[in-house]
Amino acid sequence: MPCSTERSRPLAATPRSSAVASAADLRLPVLASRDLLGPANQVLIEHEGMVYSLRATRNGKLILTK
């Protein structure tokens, strides 16, 4: 079991090449963020009765909020 300091550490983004290789190993779909977010750079996601907003920032980061 990880110690409490490990759990509180933020997760780093996975480099694209590693993420694509991992997705291929698991046969997961890979979506380009521009295709998912569309021209508004934002999409609403319904999950278990809650609506979340996924948006791209000007700095190229993704933010998921309730």
Protein backbone atom coordinates (compact mmCIF):
# COMPACT_ATOMS: atom_id res chain seq x y z
CA MET A 1 0.00 0.00 0.00
CA PRO A 2 1.45 3.45 -0.90
CA CYS A 3 2.35 5.78 1.94
CA SER A 4 0.32 8.96 2.46
CA THR A 5 2.95 11.17 0.80
CA GLU A 6 2.73 9.11 -2.37
CA ARG A 7 -1.07 9.38 -2.49
CA SER A 8 -1.06 13.16 -2.08
CA ARG A 9 1.45 13.73 -4.87
CA PRO A 10 -0.15 15.03 -8.12
CA LEU A 11 -0.02 12.71 -11.09
CA ALA A 12 2.08 13.86 -14.02
CA ALA A 13 0.73 13.72 -17.54
CA THR A 14 1.85 10.62 -19.41
CA PRO A 15 4.05 11.37 -22.43
CA ARG A 16 2.07 10.87 -25.63
CA SER A 17 4.21 8.02 -26.95
CA SER A 18 3.87 6.08 -23.68
CA ALA A 19 0.13 6.75 -23.47
CA VAL A 20 -0.47 5.61 -27.04
CA ALA A 21 1.64 2.47 -26.52
CA SER A 22 -0.24 1.67 -23.29
CA ALA A 23 -3.62 2.26 -24.97
CA ALA A 24 -2.62 -0.04 -27.83
CA ASP A 25 -1.65 -2.76 -25.35
CA LEU A 26 -5.09 -2.51 -23.71
CA ARG A 27 -6.90 -1.89 -27.01
CA LEU A 28 -8.35 1.39 -25.71
CA PRO A 29 -9.53 4.06 -28.15
CA VAL A 30 -7.26 7.10 -28.51
CA LEU A 31 -9.07 10.37 -29.20
CA ALA A 32 -7.46 13.63 -30.27
CA SER A 33 -8.51 16.34 -27.83
CA ARG A 34 -9.44 18.70 -30.69
CA ASP A 35 -11.84 16.03 -32.04
CA LEU A 36 -13.36 15.46 -28.61
CA LEU A 37 -13.65 19.12 -27.57
CA GLY A 38 -14.65 20.58 -30.93
CA PRO A 39 -14.44 24.26 -31.90
CA ALA A 40 -15.62 25.42 -28.45
CA ASN A 41 -12.61 23.67 -26.81
CA GLN A 42 -15.07 22.29 -24.27
CA VAL A 43 -17.36 19.29 -23.86
CA LEU A 44 -19.87 18.29 -21.20
CA ILE A 45 -19.65 14.73 -19.90
CA GLU A 46 -22.49 13.01 -18.03
CA HIS A 47 -21.22 10.39 -15.59
CA GLU A 48 -23.43 8.61 -13.06
CA GLY A 49 -25.98 11.43 -12.99
CA MET A 50 -23.40 14.22 -12.66
CA VAL A 51 -22.36 16.62 -15.43
CA TYR A 52 -18.67 17.47 -15.79
CA SER A 53 -17.00 20.01 -18.05
CA LEU A 54 -13.78 19.12 -19.84
CA ARG A 55 -12.03 22.09 -21.42
CA ALA A 56 -8.69 23.03 -22.90
CA THR A 57 -6.83 26.03 -21.51
CA ARG A 58 -4.86 28.57 -23.54
CA ASN A 59 -1.71 26.84 -22.29
CA GLY A 60 -2.77 23.51 -23.78
CA LYS A 61 -3.77 21.83 -20.52
CA LEU A 62 -7.03 19.98 -19.91
CA ILE A 63 -9.27 20.83 -16.96
CA LEU A 64 -12.12 18.62 -15.75
CA THR A 65 -14.60 20.28 -13.37
CA LYS A 66 -17.98 19.42 -11.86
